Amino acid sequence: MNEQSRDENGIVLTEAQKRARRSRSIAIALALAALVVLFYVITLVKGPGMLVRPF
């Protein structure tokens, strides 16, 4: 592809590609939020005793 055939804005996504990207982003965000909640719950279940331990 030569420089003249490129759009000034670079790569232009179709609407379907934009929807797919948004769906992936939302799925990644939900998975990350689930991991954060899981780690928080595990910390609560183990209790404060896990923070007070000898080195």
PDB file of N, CA and C in Angstrom:
ATOM      1  N   MET A   1       0.841  -1.173   0.000  1.00  0.00           N
ATOM      2  CA  MET A   1       0.000   0.000   0.000  1.00  0.00           C
ATOM      3  C   MET A   1       0.890   1.242   0.000  1.00  0.00           C
ATOM      4  N   ASN A   2       0.650   2.131  -0.907  1.00  0.00           N
ATOM      5  CA  ASN A   2       1.456   3.349  -0.904  1.00  0.00           C
ATOM      6  C   ASN A   2       0.812   4.417  -0.023  1.00  0.00           C
ATOM      7  N   GLU A   3       1.537   5.460   0.255  1.00  0.00           N
ATOM      8  CA  GLU A   3       1.081   6.487   1.190  1.00  0.00           C
ATOM      9  C   GLU A   3      -0.130   7.253   0.656  1.00  0.00           C
ATOM     10  N   GLN A   4      -0.274   7.349  -0.664  1.00  0.00           N
ATOM     11  CA  GLN A   4      -1.372   8.117  -1.226  1.00  0.00           C
ATOM     12  C   GLN A   4      -2.711   7.417  -1.055  1.00  0.00           C
ATOM     13  N   SER A   5      -2.714   6.094  -0.990  1.00  0.00           N
ATOM     14  CA  SER A   5      -3.981   5.380  -0.880  1.00  0.00           C
ATOM     15  C   SER A   5      -4.465   5.273   0.571  1.00  0.00           C
ATOM     16  N   ARG A   6      -3.646   5.717   1.519  1.00  0.00           N
ATOM     17  CA  ARG A   6      -4.054   5.682   2.921  1.00  0.00           C
ATOM     18  C   ARG A   6      -4.945   6.865   3.259  1.00  0.00           C
ATOM     19  N   ASP A   7      -5.828   6.631   4.211  1.00  0.00           N
ATOM     20  CA  ASP A   7      -6.672   7.712   4.704  1.00  0.00           C
ATOM     21  C   ASP A   7      -5.831   8.605   5.618  1.00  0.00           C
ATOM     22  N   GLU A   8      -6.178   9.873   5.708  1.00  0.00           N
ATOM     23  CA  GLU A   8      -5.430  10.803   6.561  1.00  0.00           C
ATOM     24  C   GLU A   8      -5.523  10.410   8.028  1.00  0.00           C
ATOM     25  N   ASN A   9      -6.608   9.755   8.425  1.00  0.00           N
ATOM     26  CA  ASN A   9      -6.826   9.382   9.821  1.00  0.00           C
ATOM     27  C   ASN A   9      -6.210   8.023  10.167  1.00  0.00           C
ATOM     28  N   GLY A  10      -5.505   7.410   9.263  1.00  0.00           N
ATOM     29  CA  GLY A  10      -4.935   6.085   9.533  1.00  0.00           C
ATOM     30  C   GLY A  10      -5.951   5.002   9.237  1.00  0.00           C
ATOM     31  N   ILE A  11      -5.971   3.991  10.072  1.00  0.00           N
ATOM     32  CA  ILE A  11      -6.892   2.870   9.870  1.00  0.00           C
ATOM     33  C   ILE A  11      -8.287   3.271  10.341  1.00  0.00           C
ATOM     34  N   VAL A  12      -9.267   3.052   9.497  1.00  0.00           N
ATOM     35  CA  VAL A  12     -10.652   3.375   9.837  1.00  0.00           C
ATOM     36  C   VAL A  12     -11.408   2.067  10.018  1.00  0.00           C
ATOM     37  N   LEU A  13     -11.977   1.891  11.215  1.00  0.00           N
ATOM     38  CA  LEU A  13     -12.708   0.664  11.516  1.00  0.00           C
ATOM     39  C   LEU A  13     -14.150   0.756  11.036  1.00  0.00           C
ATOM     40  N   THR A  14     -14.686  -0.389  10.670  1.00  0.00           N
ATOM     41  CA  THR A  14     -16.105  -0.444  10.313  1.00  0.00           C
ATOM     42  C   THR A  14     -16.917  -0.436  11.605  1.00  0.00           C
ATOM     43  N   GLU A  15     -18.211  -0.245  11.469  1.00  0.00           N
ATOM     44  CA  GLU A  15     -19.075  -0.248  12.660  1.00  0.00           C
ATOM     45  C   GLU A  15     -19.045  -1.614  13.342  1.00  0.00           C
ATOM     46  N   ALA A  16     -19.000  -2.696  12.568  1.00  0.00           N
ATOM     47  CA  ALA A  16     -18.941  -4.035  13.158  1.00  0.00           C
ATOM     48  C   ALA A  16     -17.649  -4.223  13.957  1.00  0.00           C
ATOM     49  N   GLN A  17     -16.544  -3.718  13.440  1.00  0.00           N
ATOM     50  CA  GLN A  17     -15.275  -3.817  14.144  1.00  0.00           C
ATOM     51  C   GLN A  17     -15.287  -2.984  15.423  1.00  0.00           C
ATOM     52  N   LYS A  18     -15.926  -1.811  15.371  1.00  0.00           N
ATOM     53  CA  LYS A  18     -16.028  -0.973  16.567  1.00  0.00           C
ATOM     54  C   LYS A  18     -16.861  -1.654  17.641  1.00  0.00           C
ATOM     55  N   ARG A  19     -17.971  -2.309  17.229  1.00  0.00           N
ATOM     56  CA  ARG A  19     -18.813  -3.031  18.185  1.00  0.00           C
ATOM     57  C   ARG A  19     -18.066  -4.204  18.787  1.00  0.00           C
ATOM     58  N   ALA A  20     -17.297  -4.922  17.958  1.00  0.00           N
ATOM     59  CA  ALA A  20     -16.530  -6.063  18.451  1.00  0.00           C
ATOM     60  C   ALA A  20     -15.467  -5.605  19.440  1.00  0.00           C
ATOM     61  N   ARG A  21     -14.810  -4.491  19.139  1.00  0.00           N
ATOM     62  CA  ARG A  21     -13.783  -3.962  20.044  1.00  0.00           C
ATOM     63  C   ARG A  21     -14.415  -3.560  21.373  1.00  0.00           C
ATOM     64  N   ARG A  22     -15.568  -2.904  21.304  1.00  0.00           N
ATOM     65  CA  ARG A  22     -16.251  -2.484  22.537  1.00  0.00           C
ATOM     66  C   ARG A  22     -16.680  -3.695  23.357  1.00  0.00           C
ATOM     67  N   SER A  23     -17.190  -4.727  22.694  1.00  0.00           N
ATOM     68  CA  SER A  23     -17.598  -5.934  23.401  1.00  0.00           C
ATOM     69  C   SER A  23     -16.409  -6.597  24.099  1.00  0.00           C
ATOM     70  N   ARG A  24     -15.275  -6.656  23.410  1.00  0.00           N
ATOM     71  CA  ARG A  24     -14.055  -7.230  24.015  1.00  0.00           C
ATOM     72  C   ARG A  24     -13.606  -6.406  25.210  1.00  0.00           C
ATOM     73  N   SER A  25     -13.657  -5.096  25.074  1.00  0.00           N
ATOM     74  CA  SER A  25     -13.242  -4.216  26.173  1.00  0.00           C
ATOM     75  C   SER A  25     -14.131  -4.406  27.397  1.00  0.00           C
ATOM     76  N   ILE A  26     -15.420  -4.523  27.172  1.00  0.00           N
ATOM     77  CA  ILE A  26     -16.352  -4.733  28.278  1.00  0.00           C
ATOM     78  C   ILE A  26     -16.100  -6.091  28.926  1.00  0.00           C
ATOM     79  N   ALA A  27     -15.857  -7.121  28.118  1.00  0.00           N
ATOM     80  CA  ALA A  27     -15.591  -8.453  28.664  1.00  0.00           C
ATOM     81  C   ALA A  27     -14.311  -8.457  29.505  1.00  0.00           C
ATOM     82  N   ILE A  28     -13.280  -7.786  29.038  1.00  0.00           N
ATOM     83  CA  ILE A  28     -12.028  -7.701  29.793  1.00  0.00           C
ATOM     84  C   ILE A  28     -12.250  -6.944  31.098  1.00  0.00           C
ATOM     85  N   ALA A  29     -12.996  -5.850  31.049  1.00  0.00           N
ATOM     86  CA  ALA A  29     -13.272  -5.065  32.254  1.00  0.00           C
ATOM     87  C   ALA A  29     -14.061  -5.884  33.272  1.00  0.00           C
ATOM     88  N   LEU A  30     -15.043  -6.644  32.814  1.00  0.00           N
ATOM     89  CA  LEU A  30     -15.830  -7.478  33.723  1.00  0.00           C
ATOM     90  C   LEU A  30     -14.982  -8.588  34.345  1.00  0.00           C
ATOM     91  N   ALA A  31     -14.102  -9.196  33.553  1.00  0.00           N
ATOM     92  CA  ALA A  31     -13.224 -10.238  34.079  1.00  0.00           C
ATOM     93  C   ALA A  31     -12.269  -9.660  35.126  1.00  0.00           C
ATOM     94  N   LEU A  32     -11.746  -8.489  34.858  1.00  0.00           N
ATOM     95  CA  LEU A  32     -10.848  -7.838  35.816  1.00  0.00           C
ATOM     96  C   LEU A  32     -11.590  -7.485  37.104  1.00  0.00           C
ATOM     97  N   ALA A  33     -12.792  -6.961  36.977  1.00  0.00           N
ATOM     98  CA  ALA A  33     -13.594  -6.625  38.159  1.00  0.00           C
ATOM     99  C   ALA A  33     -13.916  -7.881  38.965  1.00  0.00           C
ATOM    100  N   ALA A  34     -14.214  -8.983  38.286  1.00  0.00           N
ATOM    101  CA  ALA A  34     -14.495 -10.241  38.980  1.00  0.00           C
ATOM    102  C   ALA A  34     -13.269 -10.722  39.756  1.00  0.00           C
ATOM    103  N   LEU A  35     -12.090 -10.593  39.182  1.00  0.00           N
ATOM    104  CA  LEU A  35     -10.866 -10.985  39.887  1.00  0.00           C
ATOM    105  C   LEU A  35     -10.635 -10.117  41.114  1.00  0.00           C
ATOM    106  N   VAL A  36     -10.863  -8.818  40.990  1.00  0.00           N
ATOM    107  CA  VAL A  36     -10.693  -7.913  42.130  1.00  0.00           C
ATOM    108  C   VAL A  36     -11.643  -8.309  43.253  1.00  0.00           C
ATOM    109  N   VAL A  37     -12.901  -8.560  42.921  1.00  0.00           N
ATOM    110  CA  VAL A  37     -13.887  -8.965  43.926  1.00  0.00           C
ATOM    111  C   VAL A  37     -13.488 -10.303  44.550  1.00  0.00           C
ATOM    112  N   LEU A  38     -13.033 -11.244  43.731  1.00  0.00           N
ATOM    113  CA  LEU A  38     -12.610 -12.548  44.238  1.00  0.00           C
ATOM    114  C   LEU A  38     -11.459 -12.407  45.231  1.00  0.00           C
ATOM    115  N   PHE A  39     -10.443 -11.628  44.892  1.00  0.00           N
ATOM    116  CA  PHE A  39      -9.316 -11.434  45.804  1.00  0.00           C
ATOM    117  C   PHE A  39      -9.763 -10.749  47.093  1.00  0.00           C
ATOM    118  N   TYR A  40     -10.678  -9.787  46.991  1.00  0.00           N
ATOM    119  CA  TYR A  40     -11.175  -9.088  48.164  1.00  0.00           C
ATOM    120  C   TYR A  40     -11.927 -10.046  49.084  1.00  0.00           C
ATOM    121  N   VAL A  41     -12.791 -10.882  48.499  1.00  0.00           N
ATOM    122  CA  VAL A  41     -13.563 -11.849  49.292  1.00  0.00           C
ATOM    123  C   VAL A  41     -12.632 -12.861  49.950  1.00  0.00           C
ATOM    124  N   ILE A  42     -11.639 -13.345  49.232  1.00  0.00           N
ATOM    125  CA  ILE A  42     -10.691 -14.297  49.811  1.00  0.00           C
ATOM    126  C   ILE A  42      -9.955 -13.661  50.981  1.00  0.00           C
ATOM    127  N   THR A  43      -9.581 -12.395  50.842  1.00  0.00           N
ATOM    128  CA  THR A  43      -8.900 -11.690  51.932  1.00  0.00           C
ATOM    129  C   THR A  43      -9.811 -11.571  53.147  1.00  0.00           C
ATOM    130  N   LEU A  44     -11.087 -11.274  52.938  1.00  0.00           N
ATOM    131  CA  LEU A  44     -12.024 -11.175  54.054  1.00  0.00           C
ATOM    132  C   LEU A  44     -12.230 -12.528  54.729  1.00  0.00           C
ATOM    133  N   VAL A  45     -12.310 -13.591  53.938  1.00  0.00           N
ATOM    134  CA  VAL A  45     -12.543 -14.929  54.487  1.00  0.00           C
ATOM    135  C   VAL A  45     -11.349 -15.389  55.318  1.00  0.00           C
ATOM    136  N   LYS A  46     -10.149 -15.115  54.839  1.00  0.00           N
ATOM    137  CA  LYS A  46      -8.957 -15.513  55.582  1.00  0.00           C
ATOM    138  C   LYS A  46      -8.819 -14.708  56.866  1.00  0.00           C
ATOM    139  N   GLY A  47      -9.359 -13.525  56.886  1.00  0.00           N
ATOM    140  CA  GLY A  47      -9.386 -12.724  58.095  1.00  0.00           C
ATOM    141  C   GLY A  47      -8.133 -11.915  58.306  1.00  0.00           C
ATOM    142  N   PRO A  48      -8.170 -11.078  59.356  1.00  0.00           N
ATOM    143  CA  PRO A  48      -7.036 -10.198  59.626  1.00  0.00           C
ATOM    144  C   PRO A  48      -5.798 -10.968  60.108  1.00  0.00           C
ATOM    145  N   GLY A  49      -5.993 -12.214  60.536  1.00  0.00           N
ATOM    146  CA  GLY A  49      -4.847 -13.012  60.991  1.00  0.00           C
ATOM    147  C   GLY A  49      -3.808 -13.230  59.913  1.00  0.00           C
ATOM    148  N   MET A  50      -4.212 -13.172  58.679  1.00  0.00           N
ATOM    149  CA  MET A  50      -3.242 -13.380  57.599  1.00  0.00           C
ATOM    150  C   MET A  50      -2.296 -12.197  57.466  1.00  0.00           C
ATOM    151  N   LEU A  51      -2.718 -11.027  57.975  1.00  0.00           N
ATOM    152  CA  LEU A  51      -1.859  -9.842  57.886  1.00  0.00           C
ATOM    153  C   LEU A  51      -0.837  -9.798  59.022  1.00  0.00           C
ATOM    154  N   VAL A  52      -1.117 -10.504  60.127  1.00  0.00           N
ATOM    155  CA  VAL A  52      -0.227 -10.501  61.288  1.00  0.00           C
ATOM    156  C   VAL A  52       0.480 -11.858  61.342  1.00  0.00           C
ATOM    157  N   ARG A  53       1.576 -11.970  60.641  1.00  0.00           N
ATOM    158  CA  ARG A  53       2.332 -13.223  60.635  1.00  0.00           C
ATOM    159  C   ARG A  53       3.819 -12.899  60.633  1.00  0.00           C
ATOM    160  N   PRO A  54       4.604 -13.766  61.223  1.00  0.00           N
ATOM    161  CA  PRO A  54       6.057 -13.496  61.275  1.00  0.00           C
ATOM    162  C   PRO A  54       6.703 -13.617  59.888  1.00  0.00           C
ATOM    163  N   PHE A  55       7.786 -12.881  59.731  1.00  0.00           N
ATOM    164  CA  PHE A  55       8.481 -12.922  58.455  1.00  0.00           C
ATOM    165  C   PHE A  55       9.362 -14.110  58.361  1.00  0.00           C
TER     166      PHE A  55
END
